[in-house]
């Protein structure tokens, strides 16, 4: 194992350790969901038993409009976590993000682990992930990524944007020159749908429009208000250098509401993630216009505390609550739910 691989494994292990706690949560900035209320509809005729959560995910039917966001990668422990999450995702029949596959680019050492994850996941959509910054490095040609797509039978590839994290990370890579061209080439060549996501600082409408023009098929906002990856790196550095960036980013609710109008110009999947920690958060993300919502840290914590059954119970309980919200707002379908059930608090009552 090379020195670079050892450093990557150590970093991923430290990331997981920090994310087992709430130590890296945003300080003062929130997701923005608290600025919205659901509009109660007293004349509801919704049939609760006929609320249908199944939705389309890049041509595949999933049982709930939710995915387990990319959160791990880079070591055997992460592969074991992903295998457990794959069990939960298969039972729930929702997509699973495997986390960064950078560690598997130059070796076949992890192939068996990755094949085991695919076998455990069954036929649910699996998403691979790599940092968009790696695309601009000449050594990271697409052949190695295509090998992993074929090996794991990936359904979607996720490119994560993390300029703030790289800026604060020890030996972080801040060479982003040529990124847009690299993304366009990747989208054209990889052969499966591509989602671009942030890691906690959000994606603006302006950035989303540029990404969609490059051919990207999905935008995962991963907005501010959940895990601060600036905070994660500050904690890893064990000093306060960069502390002024702890709360940097665009709140999740603002990202979703500002990107939603682009659906009139482009056909794409809008994913609401970043601080989705309660069923009310998930409901508001969907009501604001997200096609699906995504969560990571709380599911990881649930897995650590209560195992696979805990993750399954949590997601099912969330959608039981979301069904009740739909009943109270007069929304029989997800389409109706996304159309007219939210109101900004300053405009209400």
C-alpha atoms as a PDB file:
ATOM      1  CA  UNK A   1       0.000   0.000   0.000  1.00  0.00           C
ATOM      2  CA  UNK A   2       1.412   3.392  -0.990  1.00  0.00           C
ATOM      3  CA  UNK A   3       1.970   6.343   1.300  1.00  0.00           C
ATOM      4  CA  UNK A   4      -0.868   8.200  -0.460  1.00  0.00           C
ATOM      5  CA  UNK A   5      -3.246   5.284   0.115  1.00  0.00           C
ATOM      6  CA  UNK A   6      -2.281   5.113   3.792  1.00  0.00           C
ATOM      7  CA  UNK A   7      -2.953   8.843   4.147  1.00  0.00           C
ATOM      8  CA  UNK A   8      -6.337   8.460   2.410  1.00  0.00           C
ATOM      9  CA  UNK A   9      -7.344   5.591   4.704  1.00  0.00           C
ATOM     10  CA  UNK A  10      -6.338   7.545   7.810  1.00  0.00           C
ATOM     11  CA  UNK A  11      -8.311  10.575   6.626  1.00  0.00           C
ATOM     12  CA  UNK A  12     -11.444   8.531   5.913  1.00  0.00           C
ATOM     13  CA  UNK A  13     -11.212   6.839   9.311  1.00  0.00           C
ATOM     14  CA  UNK A  14     -10.977  10.243  11.015  1.00  0.00           C
ATOM     15  CA  UNK A  15     -13.952  11.484   8.976  1.00  0.00           C
ATOM     16  CA  UNK A  16     -16.080   8.549  10.124  1.00  0.00           C
ATOM     17  CA  UNK A  17     -15.052   8.993  13.748  1.00  0.00           C
ATOM     18  CA  UNK A  18     -16.072  12.651  13.708  1.00  0.00           C
ATOM     19  CA  UNK A  19     -19.362  11.906  11.897  1.00  0.00           C
ATOM     20  CA  UNK A  20     -20.351   9.380  14.554  1.00  0.00           C
ATOM     21  CA  UNK A  21     -20.990  12.455  16.702  1.00  0.00           C
ATOM     22  CA  UNK A  22     -22.606  15.856  16.116  1.00  0.00           C
ATOM     23  CA  UNK A  23     -19.329  17.689  16.761  1.00  0.00           C
ATOM     24  CA  UNK A  24     -19.107  19.011  13.192  1.00  0.00           C
ATOM     25  CA  UNK A  25     -22.667  20.316  12.910  1.00  0.00           C
ATOM     26  CA  UNK A  26     -23.147  23.859  11.692  1.00  0.00           C
ATOM     27  CA  UNK A  27     -22.977  26.379  14.528  1.00  0.00           C
ATOM     28  CA  UNK A  28     -25.343  29.290  13.839  1.00  0.00           C
ATOM     29  CA  UNK A  29     -26.445  28.652  10.253  1.00  0.00           C
ATOM     30  CA  UNK A  30     -29.451  26.385   9.689  1.00  0.00           C
ATOM     31  CA  UNK A  31     -30.929  24.504   6.754  1.00  0.00           C
ATOM     32  CA  UNK A  32     -33.605  27.189   6.388  1.00  0.00           C
ATOM     33  CA  UNK A  33     -36.464  24.675   6.638  1.00  0.00           C
ATOM     34  CA  UNK A  34     -37.650  26.356   9.836  1.00  0.00           C
ATOM     35  CA  UNK A  35     -38.659  29.383   7.739  1.00  0.00           C
ATOM     36  CA  UNK A  36     -41.496  27.374   6.180  1.00  0.00           C
ATOM     37  CA  UNK A  37     -44.789  26.032   7.505  1.00  0.00           C
ATOM     38  CA  UNK A  38     -47.139  23.486   5.997  1.00  0.00           C
ATOM     39  CA  UNK A  39     -50.482  24.899   4.952  1.00  0.00           C
ATOM     40  CA  UNK A  40     -53.165  22.956   6.792  1.00  0.00           C
ATOM     41  CA  UNK A  41     -56.109  21.914   4.609  1.00  0.00           C
ATOM     42  CA  UNK A  42     -59.181  21.204   6.737  1.00  0.00           C
ATOM     43  CA  UNK A  43     -61.195  19.849   3.780  1.00  0.00           C
ATOM     44  CA  UNK A  44     -58.758  17.021   3.077  1.00  0.00           C
ATOM     45  CA  UNK A  45     -60.156  14.031   1.213  1.00  0.00           C
ATOM     46  CA  UNK A  46     -56.825  12.231   0.984  1.00  0.00           C
ATOM     47  CA  UNK A  47     -57.071   8.456   1.345  1.00  0.00           C
ATOM     48  CA  UNK A  48     -54.122   7.626   3.589  1.00  0.00           C
ATOM     49  CA  UNK A  49     -54.073   4.001   2.519  1.00  0.00           C
ATOM     50  CA  UNK A  50     -53.631   5.053  -1.105  1.00  0.00           C
ATOM     51  CA  UNK A  51     -50.713   7.459  -0.663  1.00  0.00           C
ATOM     52  CA  UNK A  52     -48.086   6.187  -3.075  1.00  0.00           C
ATOM     53  CA  UNK A  53     -44.432   6.968  -2.366  1.00  0.00           C
ATOM     54  CA  UNK A  54     -42.834   4.970  -5.186  1.00  0.00           C
ATOM     55  CA  UNK A  55     -41.057   7.213  -7.651  1.00  0.00           C
ATOM     56  CA  UNK A  56     -38.733   7.141 -10.647  1.00  0.00           C
ATOM     57  CA  UNK A  57     -34.977   7.349 -10.201  1.00  0.00           C
ATOM     58  CA  UNK A  58     -33.276   7.580 -13.588  1.00  0.00           C
ATOM     59  CA  UNK A  59     -35.680   5.067 -15.081  1.00  0.00           C
ATOM     60  CA  UNK A  60     -35.708   2.776 -12.037  1.00  0.00           C
ATOM     61  CA  UNK A  61     -38.617   2.460  -9.624  1.00  0.00           C
ATOM     62  CA  UNK A  62     -37.753   3.067  -5.961  1.00  0.00           C
ATOM     63  CA  UNK A  63     -40.135   2.633  -3.030  1.00  0.00           C
ATOM     64  CA  UNK A  64     -39.479   5.977  -1.340  1.00  0.00           C
ATOM     65  CA  UNK A  65     -38.252   9.341  -2.700  1.00  0.00           C
ATOM     66  CA  UNK A  66     -35.080   9.055  -0.617  1.00  0.00           C
ATOM     67  CA  UNK A  67     -31.510   7.911  -1.026  1.00  0.00           C
ATOM     68  CA  UNK A  68     -28.676   7.066   1.339  1.00  0.00           C
ATOM     69  CA  UNK A  69     -26.113   9.710   0.453  1.00  0.00           C
ATOM     70  CA  UNK A  70     -22.476   8.971  -0.299  1.00  0.00           C
ATOM     71  CA  UNK A  71     -20.587   9.138   2.993  1.00  0.00           C
ATOM     72  CA  UNK A  72     -17.868   6.487   3.111  1.00  0.00           C
ATOM     73  CA  UNK A  73     -15.038   5.101   1.057  1.00  0.00           C
ATOM     74  CA  UNK A  74     -11.336   4.474   1.208  1.00  0.00           C
ATOM     75  CA  UNK A  75     -10.855   1.525   3.544  1.00  0.00           C
ATOM     76  CA  UNK A  76     -12.087  -1.953   4.463  1.00  0.00           C
ATOM     77  CA  UNK A  77     -14.121  -0.584   7.379  1.00  0.00           C
ATOM     78  CA  UNK A  78     -15.993   1.697   4.993  1.00  0.00           C
ATOM     79  CA  UNK A  79     -16.742  -1.255   2.707  1.00  0.00           C
ATOM     80  CA  UNK A  80     -18.206  -3.121   5.684  1.00  0.00           C
ATOM     81  CA  UNK A  81     -20.374  -0.090   6.519  1.00  0.00           C
ATOM     82  CA  UNK A  82     -21.525   0.116   2.902  1.00  0.00           C
ATOM     83  CA  UNK A  83     -22.405  -3.599   2.942  1.00  0.00           C
ATOM     84  CA  UNK A  84     -24.609  -3.048   6.006  1.00  0.00           C
ATOM     85  CA  UNK A  85     -26.209   0.005   4.405  1.00  0.00           C
ATOM     86  CA  UNK A  86     -26.742  -2.064   1.251  1.00  0.00           C
ATOM     87  CA  UNK A  87     -28.796  -4.538   3.305  1.00  0.00           C
ATOM     88  CA  UNK A  88     -30.972  -1.693   4.562  1.00  0.00           C
ATOM     89  CA  UNK A  89     -31.270  -0.044   1.151  1.00  0.00           C
ATOM     90  CA  UNK A  90     -32.213  -3.373  -0.475  1.00  0.00           C
ATOM     91  CA  UNK A  91     -34.986  -3.963   2.071  1.00  0.00           C
ATOM     92  CA  UNK A  92     -36.251  -0.398   1.630  1.00  0.00           C
ATOM     93  CA  UNK A  93     -35.609  -0.493  -2.126  1.00  0.00           C
ATOM     94  CA  UNK A  94     -33.960   2.923  -2.247  1.00  0.00           C
ATOM     95  CA  UNK A  95     -30.668   4.046  -3.859  1.00  0.00           C
ATOM     96  CA  UNK A  96     -27.338   3.800  -2.028  1.00  0.00           C
ATOM     97  CA  UNK A  97     -24.277   5.991  -2.507  1.00  0.00           C
ATOM     98  CA  UNK A  98     -21.019   4.091  -1.983  1.00  0.00           C
ATOM     99  CA  UNK A  99     -18.851   7.074  -1.192  1.00  0.00           C
ATOM    100  CA  UNK A 100     -15.577   7.953  -2.876  1.00  0.00           C
ATOM    101  CA  UNK A 101     -14.099   5.215  -5.069  1.00  0.00           C
ATOM    102  CA  UNK A 102     -10.767   6.971  -5.358  1.00  0.00           C
ATOM    103  CA  UNK A 103      -9.115   4.286  -3.216  1.00  0.00           C
ATOM    104  CA  UNK A 104     -10.077   1.586  -5.745  1.00  0.00           C
ATOM    105  CA  UNK A 105      -8.832   3.307  -8.897  1.00  0.00           C
ATOM    106  CA  UNK A 106      -5.298   1.925  -9.015  1.00  0.00           C
ATOM    107  CA  UNK A 107      -5.743  -1.502  -7.451  1.00  0.00           C
ATOM    108  CA  UNK A 108      -7.888  -4.610  -7.612  1.00  0.00           C
ATOM    109  CA  UNK A 109      -7.414  -5.157  -3.867  1.00  0.00           C
ATOM    110  CA  UNK A 110     -10.933  -3.954  -3.059  1.00  0.00           C
ATOM    111  CA  UNK A 111     -12.752  -5.592  -5.972  1.00  0.00           C
ATOM    112  CA  UNK A 112     -14.111  -8.469  -3.883  1.00  0.00           C
ATOM    113  CA  UNK A 113     -15.492  -6.052  -1.274  1.00  0.00           C
ATOM    114  CA  UNK A 114     -17.198  -3.989  -3.946  1.00  0.00           C
ATOM    115  CA  UNK A 115     -18.667  -7.076  -5.605  1.00  0.00           C
ATOM    116  CA  UNK A 116     -19.992  -8.215  -2.220  1.00  0.00           C
ATOM    117  CA  UNK A 117     -21.705  -4.848  -1.779  1.00  0.00           C
ATOM    118  CA  UNK A 118     -23.378  -5.147  -5.194  1.00  0.00           C
ATOM    119  CA  UNK A 119     -24.501  -8.709  -4.415  1.00  0.00           C
ATOM    120  CA  UNK A 120     -25.942  -7.566  -1.074  1.00  0.00           C
ATOM    121  CA  UNK A 121     -27.669  -4.575  -2.684  1.00  0.00           C
ATOM    122  CA  UNK A 122     -29.445  -6.767  -5.218  1.00  0.00           C
ATOM    123  CA  UNK A 123     -31.111  -4.711  -7.927  1.00  0.00           C
ATOM    124  CA  UNK A 124     -31.338  -1.354  -6.146  1.00  0.00           C
ATOM    125  CA  UNK A 125     -29.627   1.636  -7.806  1.00  0.00           C
ATOM    126  CA  UNK A 126     -26.005   1.964  -6.678  1.00  0.00           C
ATOM    127  CA  UNK A 127     -24.123   5.244  -7.026  1.00  0.00           C
ATOM    128  CA  UNK A 128     -20.350   5.502  -7.221  1.00  0.00           C
ATOM    129  CA  UNK A 129     -18.638   8.721  -6.233  1.00  0.00           C
ATOM    130  CA  UNK A 130     -15.395  10.555  -6.842  1.00  0.00           C
ATOM    131  CA  UNK A 131     -14.211  14.074  -6.150  1.00  0.00           C
ATOM    132  CA  UNK A 132     -14.640  16.313  -9.171  1.00  0.00           C
ATOM    133  CA  UNK A 133     -11.182  17.745  -8.461  1.00  0.00           C
ATOM    134  CA  UNK A 134      -9.688  14.351  -9.326  1.00  0.00           C
ATOM    135  CA  UNK A 135     -11.107  14.642 -12.842  1.00  0.00           C
ATOM    136  CA  UNK A 136      -8.766  17.478 -13.717  1.00  0.00           C
ATOM    137  CA  UNK A 137      -5.685  15.449 -12.860  1.00  0.00           C
ATOM    138  CA  UNK A 138      -4.215  13.998 -16.028  1.00  0.00           C
ATOM    139  CA  UNK A 139      -3.406  10.710 -14.306  1.00  0.00           C
ATOM    140  CA  UNK A 140      -7.059  10.021 -13.530  1.00  0.00           C
ATOM    141  CA  UNK A 141      -8.236   8.950 -16.976  1.00  0.00           C
ATOM    142  CA  UNK A 142     -11.725   7.593 -17.514  1.00  0.00           C
ATOM    143  CA  UNK A 143     -10.663   4.014 -18.225  1.00  0.00           C
ATOM    144  CA  UNK A 144     -10.144   3.282 -14.539  1.00  0.00           C
ATOM    145  CA  UNK A 145     -13.504   4.772 -13.609  1.00  0.00           C
ATOM    146  CA  UNK A 146     -15.246   2.814 -16.379  1.00  0.00           C
ATOM    147  CA  UNK A 147     -13.704  -0.384 -14.996  1.00  0.00           C
ATOM    148  CA  UNK A 148     -15.372   0.301 -11.642  1.00  0.00           C
ATOM    149  CA  UNK A 149     -18.685   1.128 -13.330  1.00  0.00           C
ATOM    150  CA  UNK A 150     -18.614  -2.293 -15.027  1.00  0.00           C
ATOM    151  CA  UNK A 151     -17.285  -4.139 -11.968  1.00  0.00           C
ATOM    152  CA  UNK A 152     -19.948  -2.875  -9.540  1.00  0.00           C
ATOM    153  CA  UNK A 153     -22.661  -2.470 -12.177  1.00  0.00           C
ATOM    154  CA  UNK A 154     -23.153   1.132 -11.092  1.00  0.00           C
ATOM    155  CA  UNK A 155     -26.397   2.831 -12.100  1.00  0.00           C
ATOM    156  CA  UNK A 156     -25.348   6.447 -11.454  1.00  0.00           C
ATOM    157  CA  UNK A 157     -22.050   8.238 -10.918  1.00  0.00           C
ATOM    158  CA  UNK A 158     -21.774  11.112  -8.460  1.00  0.00           C
ATOM    159  CA  UNK A 159     -19.158  13.835  -8.732  1.00  0.00           C
ATOM    160  CA  UNK A 160     -18.724  15.712  -5.480  1.00  0.00           C
ATOM    161  CA  UNK A 161     -17.650  19.334  -5.318  1.00  0.00           C
ATOM    162  CA  UNK A 162     -15.793  20.202  -2.126  1.00  0.00           C
ATOM    163  CA  UNK A 163     -13.639  23.306  -2.675  1.00  0.00           C
ATOM    164  CA  UNK A 164     -14.029  24.478   0.930  1.00  0.00           C
ATOM    165  CA  UNK A 165     -13.086  21.094   2.352  1.00  0.00           C
ATOM    166  CA  UNK A 166     -10.031  20.870   0.082  1.00  0.00           C
ATOM    167  CA  UNK A 167      -9.067  24.404   1.063  1.00  0.00           C
ATOM    168  CA  UNK A 168      -8.987  23.515   4.765  1.00  0.00           C
ATOM    169  CA  UNK A 169      -7.730  19.946   4.452  1.00  0.00           C
ATOM    170  CA  UNK A 170      -4.081  19.192   5.134  1.00  0.00           C
ATOM    171  CA  UNK A 171      -2.470  18.753   1.709  1.00  0.00           C
ATOM    172  CA  UNK A 172      -5.847  19.485   0.133  1.00  0.00           C
ATOM    173  CA  UNK A 173      -6.118  19.695  -3.649  1.00  0.00           C
ATOM    174  CA  UNK A 174      -7.207  23.165  -4.758  1.00  0.00           C
ATOM    175  CA  UNK A 175      -6.298  22.739  -8.442  1.00  0.00           C
ATOM    176  CA  UNK A 176      -9.714  23.164 -10.042  1.00  0.00           C
ATOM    177  CA  UNK A 177      -8.629  24.789 -13.311  1.00  0.00           C
ATOM    178  CA  UNK A 178     -10.357  23.030 -16.189  1.00  0.00           C
ATOM    179  CA  UNK A 179     -13.051  21.516 -13.969  1.00  0.00           C
ATOM    180  CA  UNK A 180     -16.011  22.397 -16.201  1.00  0.00           C
ATOM    181  CA  UNK A 181     -14.423  20.866 -19.285  1.00  0.00           C
ATOM    182  CA  UNK A 182     -13.508  17.778 -17.275  1.00  0.00           C
ATOM    183  CA  UNK A 183     -17.111  17.401 -16.066  1.00  0.00           C
ATOM    184  CA  UNK A 184     -18.471  17.773 -19.614  1.00  0.00           C
ATOM    185  CA  UNK A 185     -16.053  15.094 -20.874  1.00  0.00           C
ATOM    186  CA  UNK A 186     -16.953  12.803 -17.988  1.00  0.00           C
ATOM    187  CA  UNK A 187     -20.688  13.156 -18.620  1.00  0.00           C
ATOM    188  CA  UNK A 188     -20.196  12.401 -22.309  1.00  0.00           C
ATOM    189  CA  UNK A 189     -17.979   9.354 -21.772  1.00  0.00           C
ATOM    190  CA  UNK A 190     -18.949   7.534 -18.573  1.00  0.00           C
ATOM    191  CA  UNK A 191     -22.071   5.895 -20.019  1.00  0.00           C
ATOM    192  CA  UNK A 192     -24.431   6.264 -17.033  1.00  0.00           C
ATOM    193  CA  UNK A 193     -26.316   9.254 -15.563  1.00  0.00           C
ATOM    194  CA  UNK A 194     -24.188  11.746 -13.641  1.00  0.00           C
ATOM    195  CA  UNK A 195     -25.183  13.639 -10.507  1.00  0.00           C
ATOM    196  CA  UNK A 196     -23.103  16.515  -9.206  1.00  0.00           C
ATOM    197  CA  UNK A 197     -23.322  17.199  -5.483  1.00  0.00           C
ATOM    198  CA  UNK A 198     -21.750  19.475  -2.938  1.00  0.00           C
ATOM    199  CA  UNK A 199     -20.690  18.139   0.457  1.00  0.00           C
ATOM    200  CA  UNK A 200     -22.367  20.679   2.720  1.00  0.00           C
ATOM    201  CA  UNK A 201     -21.898  24.163   1.272  1.00  0.00           C
ATOM    202  CA  UNK A 202     -24.722  24.021  -1.252  1.00  0.00           C
ATOM    203  CA  UNK A 203     -25.145  24.600  -4.984  1.00  0.00           C
ATOM    204  CA  UNK A 204     -26.507  27.916  -6.215  1.00  0.00           C
ATOM    205  CA  UNK A 205     -28.970  28.306  -9.079  1.00  0.00           C
ATOM    206  CA  UNK A 206     -26.187  29.878 -11.152  1.00  0.00           C
ATOM    207  CA  UNK A 207     -23.873  26.894 -10.616  1.00  0.00           C
ATOM    208  CA  UNK A 208     -26.737  24.465 -11.232  1.00  0.00           C
ATOM    209  CA  UNK A 209     -27.561  26.102 -14.559  1.00  0.00           C
ATOM    210  CA  UNK A 210     -23.921  25.788 -15.656  1.00  0.00           C
ATOM    211  CA  UNK A 211     -23.832  22.126 -14.631  1.00  0.00           C
ATOM    212  CA  UNK A 212     -27.060  21.321 -16.470  1.00  0.00           C
ATOM    213  CA  UNK A 213     -25.695  23.015 -19.590  1.00  0.00           C
ATOM    214  CA  UNK A 214     -22.717  20.637 -19.363  1.00  0.00           C
ATOM    215  CA  UNK A 215     -25.114  17.688 -19.573  1.00  0.00           C
ATOM    216  CA  UNK A 216     -25.325  16.735 -15.916  1.00  0.00           C
ATOM    217  CA  UNK A 217     -28.550  14.805 -15.239  1.00  0.00           C
ATOM    218  CA  UNK A 218     -28.860  15.389 -11.494  1.00  0.00           C
ATOM    219  CA  UNK A 219     -28.136  18.116  -8.941  1.00  0.00           C
ATOM    220  CA  UNK A 220     -27.726  17.139  -5.283  1.00  0.00           C
ATOM    221  CA  UNK A 221     -27.668  20.443  -3.420  1.00  0.00           C
ATOM    222  CA  UNK A 222     -26.058  19.122  -0.179  1.00  0.00           C
ATOM    223  CA  UNK A 223     -26.688  22.512   1.384  1.00  0.00           C
ATOM    224  CA  UNK A 224     -25.562  24.163   4.593  1.00  0.00           C
ATOM    225  CA  UNK A 225     -27.150  23.356   7.918  1.00  0.00           C
ATOM    226  CA  UNK A 226     -26.186  19.728   8.433  1.00  0.00           C
ATOM    227  CA  UNK A 227     -22.604  18.502   8.637  1.00  0.00           C
ATOM    228  CA  UNK A 228     -19.989  21.211   8.219  1.00  0.00           C
ATOM    229  CA  UNK A 229     -17.098  19.646   6.356  1.00  0.00           C
ATOM    230  CA  UNK A 230     -15.132  22.761   7.155  1.00  0.00           C
ATOM    231  CA  UNK A 231     -15.834  21.818  10.759  1.00  0.00           C
ATOM    232  CA  UNK A 232     -14.727  18.234  10.118  1.00  0.00           C
ATOM    233  CA  UNK A 233     -11.378  19.397   8.747  1.00  0.00           C
ATOM    234  CA  UNK A 234     -10.918  21.965  11.525  1.00  0.00           C
ATOM    235  CA  UNK A 235     -11.454  19.199  14.079  1.00  0.00           C
ATOM    236  CA  UNK A 236      -9.020  16.951  12.208  1.00  0.00           C
ATOM    237  CA  UNK A 237      -6.424  19.747  12.211  1.00  0.00           C
ATOM    238  CA  UNK A 238      -6.950  20.090  15.968  1.00  0.00           C
ATOM    239  CA  UNK A 239      -6.756  23.885  15.814  1.00  0.00           C
ATOM    240  CA  UNK A 240      -9.057  26.785  14.992  1.00  0.00           C
ATOM    241  CA  UNK A 241      -7.403  27.785  11.732  1.00  0.00           C
ATOM    242  CA  UNK A 242     -10.215  28.382   9.248  1.00  0.00           C
ATOM    243  CA  UNK A 243     -12.874  28.642  11.959  1.00  0.00           C
ATOM    244  CA  UNK A 244     -14.414  31.642  10.172  1.00  0.00           C
ATOM    245  CA  UNK A 245     -15.554  29.192   7.456  1.00  0.00           C
ATOM    246  CA  UNK A 246     -17.302  26.751   9.829  1.00  0.00           C
ATOM    247  CA  UNK A 247     -20.761  28.095   8.830  1.00  0.00           C
ATOM    248  CA  UNK A 248     -19.919  28.775   5.181  1.00  0.00           C
ATOM    249  CA  UNK A 249     -22.512  27.862   2.579  1.00  0.00           C
ATOM    250  CA  UNK A 250     -26.037  28.232   1.190  1.00  0.00           C
ATOM    251  CA  UNK A 251     -28.853  26.809   3.352  1.00  0.00           C
ATOM    252  CA  UNK A 252     -30.424  23.665   1.920  1.00  0.00           C
ATOM    253  CA  UNK A 253     -33.927  25.131   1.640  1.00  0.00           C
ATOM    254  CA  UNK A 254     -32.604  28.100  -0.322  1.00  0.00           C
ATOM    255  CA  UNK A 255     -30.709  25.821  -2.703  1.00  0.00           C
ATOM    256  CA  UNK A 256     -33.771  23.696  -3.476  1.00  0.00           C
ATOM    257  CA  UNK A 257     -36.169  26.616  -3.904  1.00  0.00           C
ATOM    258  CA  UNK A 258     -33.767  28.555  -6.147  1.00  0.00           C
ATOM    259  CA  UNK A 259     -32.884  25.574  -8.379  1.00  0.00           C
ATOM    260  CA  UNK A 260     -36.434  24.256  -8.762  1.00  0.00           C
ATOM    261  CA  UNK A 261     -37.422  26.844 -11.448  1.00  0.00           C
ATOM    262  CA  UNK A 262     -34.727  25.382 -13.734  1.00  0.00           C
ATOM    263  CA  UNK A 263     -37.024  22.383 -14.234  1.00  0.00           C
ATOM    264  CA  UNK A 264     -38.914  24.486 -16.795  1.00  0.00           C
ATOM    265  CA  UNK A 265     -35.728  24.600 -18.903  1.00  0.00           C
ATOM    266  CA  UNK A 266     -34.003  21.289 -18.167  1.00  0.00           C
ATOM    267  CA  UNK A 267     -35.063  17.741 -17.367  1.00  0.00           C
ATOM    268  CA  UNK A 268     -33.064  16.673 -14.327  1.00  0.00           C
ATOM    269  CA  UNK A 269     -33.232  15.020 -10.928  1.00  0.00           C
ATOM    270  CA  UNK A 270     -33.194  17.500  -8.034  1.00  0.00           C
ATOM    271  CA  UNK A 271     -31.976  15.947  -4.804  1.00  0.00           C
ATOM    272  CA  UNK A 272     -32.473  17.732  -1.494  1.00  0.00           C
ATOM    273  CA  UNK A 273     -29.784  16.910   1.036  1.00  0.00           C
ATOM    274  CA  UNK A 274     -27.832  18.693   3.733  1.00  0.00           C
ATOM    275  CA  UNK A 275     -29.196  18.517   7.259  1.00  0.00           C
ATOM    276  CA  UNK A 276     -32.084  16.145   6.489  1.00  0.00           C
ATOM    277  CA  UNK A 277     -32.299  14.815  10.031  1.00  0.00           C
ATOM    278  CA  UNK A 278     -36.048  14.524  10.710  1.00  0.00           C
ATOM    279  CA  UNK A 279     -39.154  13.522   8.766  1.00  0.00           C
ATOM    280  CA  UNK A 280     -40.188  17.187   8.801  1.00  0.00           C
ATOM    281  CA  UNK A 281     -36.892  18.113   7.099  1.00  0.00           C
ATOM    282  CA  UNK A 282     -37.445  15.436   4.464  1.00  0.00           C
ATOM    283  CA  UNK A 283     -41.051  16.510   3.924  1.00  0.00           C
ATOM    284  CA  UNK A 284     -40.102  20.158   3.454  1.00  0.00           C
ATOM    285  CA  UNK A 285     -37.318  19.244   1.020  1.00  0.00           C
ATOM    286  CA  UNK A 286     -39.824  17.318  -1.100  1.00  0.00           C
ATOM    287  CA  UNK A 287     -42.472  20.027  -0.806  1.00  0.00           C
ATOM    288  CA  UNK A 288     -39.958  22.676  -1.918  1.00  0.00           C
ATOM    289  CA  UNK A 289     -39.393  20.753  -5.133  1.00  0.00           C
ATOM    290  CA  UNK A 290     -36.804  18.027  -4.581  1.00  0.00           C
ATOM    291  CA  UNK A 291     -37.577  14.837  -6.506  1.00  0.00           C
ATOM    292  CA  UNK A 292     -35.906  12.835  -3.752  1.00  0.00           C
ATOM    293  CA  UNK A 293     -34.241  13.698  -0.483  1.00  0.00           C
ATOM    294  CA  UNK A 294     -30.928  12.365   0.768  1.00  0.00           C
ATOM    295  CA  UNK A 295     -29.440  11.779   4.181  1.00  0.00           C
ATOM    296  CA  UNK A 296     -26.107  10.507   5.445  1.00  0.00           C
ATOM    297  CA  UNK A 297     -24.889  11.244   8.962  1.00  0.00           C
ATOM    298  CA  UNK A 298     -28.076  10.421  10.856  1.00  0.00           C
ATOM    299  CA  UNK A 299     -28.354   7.095   9.007  1.00  0.00           C
ATOM    300  CA  UNK A 300     -24.717   6.320   9.775  1.00  0.00           C
ATOM    301  CA  UNK A 301     -25.308   7.120  13.442  1.00  0.00           C
ATOM    302  CA  UNK A 302     -28.451   4.971  13.440  1.00  0.00           C
ATOM    303  CA  UNK A 303     -26.487   2.108  11.887  1.00  0.00           C
ATOM    304  CA  UNK A 304     -23.831   2.391  14.592  1.00  0.00           C
ATOM    305  CA  UNK A 305     -26.388   2.476  17.399  1.00  0.00           C
ATOM    306  CA  UNK A 306     -29.136   0.120  16.236  1.00  0.00           C
ATOM    307  CA  UNK A 307     -27.831  -1.689  13.196  1.00  0.00           C
ATOM    308  CA  UNK A 308     -29.513  -2.413   9.881  1.00  0.00           C
ATOM    309  CA  UNK A 309     -32.961  -2.820  11.454  1.00  0.00           C
ATOM    310  CA  UNK A 310     -32.623   0.636  13.027  1.00  0.00           C
ATOM    311  CA  UNK A 311     -31.931   2.247   9.649  1.00  0.00           C
ATOM    312  CA  UNK A 312     -34.930   0.502   8.080  1.00  0.00           C
ATOM    313  CA  UNK A 313     -37.212   1.488  10.963  1.00  0.00           C
ATOM    314  CA  UNK A 314     -36.052   5.099  10.835  1.00  0.00           C
ATOM    315  CA  UNK A 315     -36.784   5.515   7.117  1.00  0.00           C
ATOM    316  CA  UNK A 316     -40.148   3.759   7.352  1.00  0.00           C
ATOM    317  CA  UNK A 317     -41.101   5.920  10.342  1.00  0.00           C
ATOM    318  CA  UNK A 318     -40.119   9.072   8.437  1.00  0.00           C
ATOM    319  CA  UNK A 319     -42.435   8.214   5.569  1.00  0.00           C
ATOM    320  CA  UNK A 320     -45.243   7.263   7.902  1.00  0.00           C
ATOM    321  CA  UNK A 321     -44.965  10.822   9.248  1.00  0.00           C
ATOM    322  CA  UNK A 322     -44.691  12.299   5.742  1.00  0.00           C
ATOM    323  CA  UNK A 323     -47.880  10.421   4.842  1.00  0.00           C
ATOM    324  CA  UNK A 324     -49.627  12.087   7.753  1.00  0.00           C
ATOM    325  CA  UNK A 325     -48.368  15.498   6.582  1.00  0.00           C
ATOM    326  CA  UNK A 326     -49.714  14.783   3.094  1.00  0.00           C
ATOM    327  CA  UNK A 327     -53.084  13.858   4.588  1.00  0.00           C
ATOM    328  CA  UNK A 328     -53.211  17.118   6.559  1.00  0.00           C
ATOM    329  CA  UNK A 329     -52.264  19.227   3.543  1.00  0.00           C
ATOM    330  CA  UNK A 330     -54.650  17.593   1.080  1.00  0.00           C
ATOM    331  CA  UNK A 331     -51.939  16.043  -1.092  1.00  0.00           C
ATOM    332  CA  UNK A 332     -52.758  12.561  -2.391  1.00  0.00           C
ATOM    333  CA  UNK A 333     -49.623  12.324  -4.557  1.00  0.00           C
ATOM    334  CA  UNK A 334     -46.032  13.509  -4.385  1.00  0.00           C
ATOM    335  CA  UNK A 335     -46.779  15.767  -7.351  1.00  0.00           C
ATOM    336  CA  UNK A 336     -49.565  17.481  -5.411  1.00  0.00           C
ATOM    337  CA  UNK A 337     -47.350  17.644  -2.340  1.00  0.00           C
ATOM    338  CA  UNK A 338     -44.695  19.492  -4.296  1.00  0.00           C
ATOM    339  CA  UNK A 339     -47.154  21.997  -5.723  1.00  0.00           C
ATOM    340  CA  UNK A 340     -48.958  23.940  -3.026  1.00  0.00           C
ATOM    341  CA  UNK A 341     -48.475  22.874   0.570  1.00  0.00           C
ATOM    342  CA  UNK A 342     -45.706  25.157   1.915  1.00  0.00           C
ATOM    343  CA  UNK A 343     -45.837  28.791   2.928  1.00  0.00           C
ATOM    344  CA  UNK A 344     -43.084  31.055   4.218  1.00  0.00           C
ATOM    345  CA  UNK A 345     -43.709  31.942   7.841  1.00  0.00           C
ATOM    346  CA  UNK A 346     -43.433  35.662   7.241  1.00  0.00           C
ATOM    347  CA  UNK A 347     -46.247  35.350   4.671  1.00  0.00           C
ATOM    348  CA  UNK A 348     -48.529  33.147   6.763  1.00  0.00           C
ATOM    349  CA  UNK A 349     -51.345  33.520   9.257  1.00  0.00           C
END
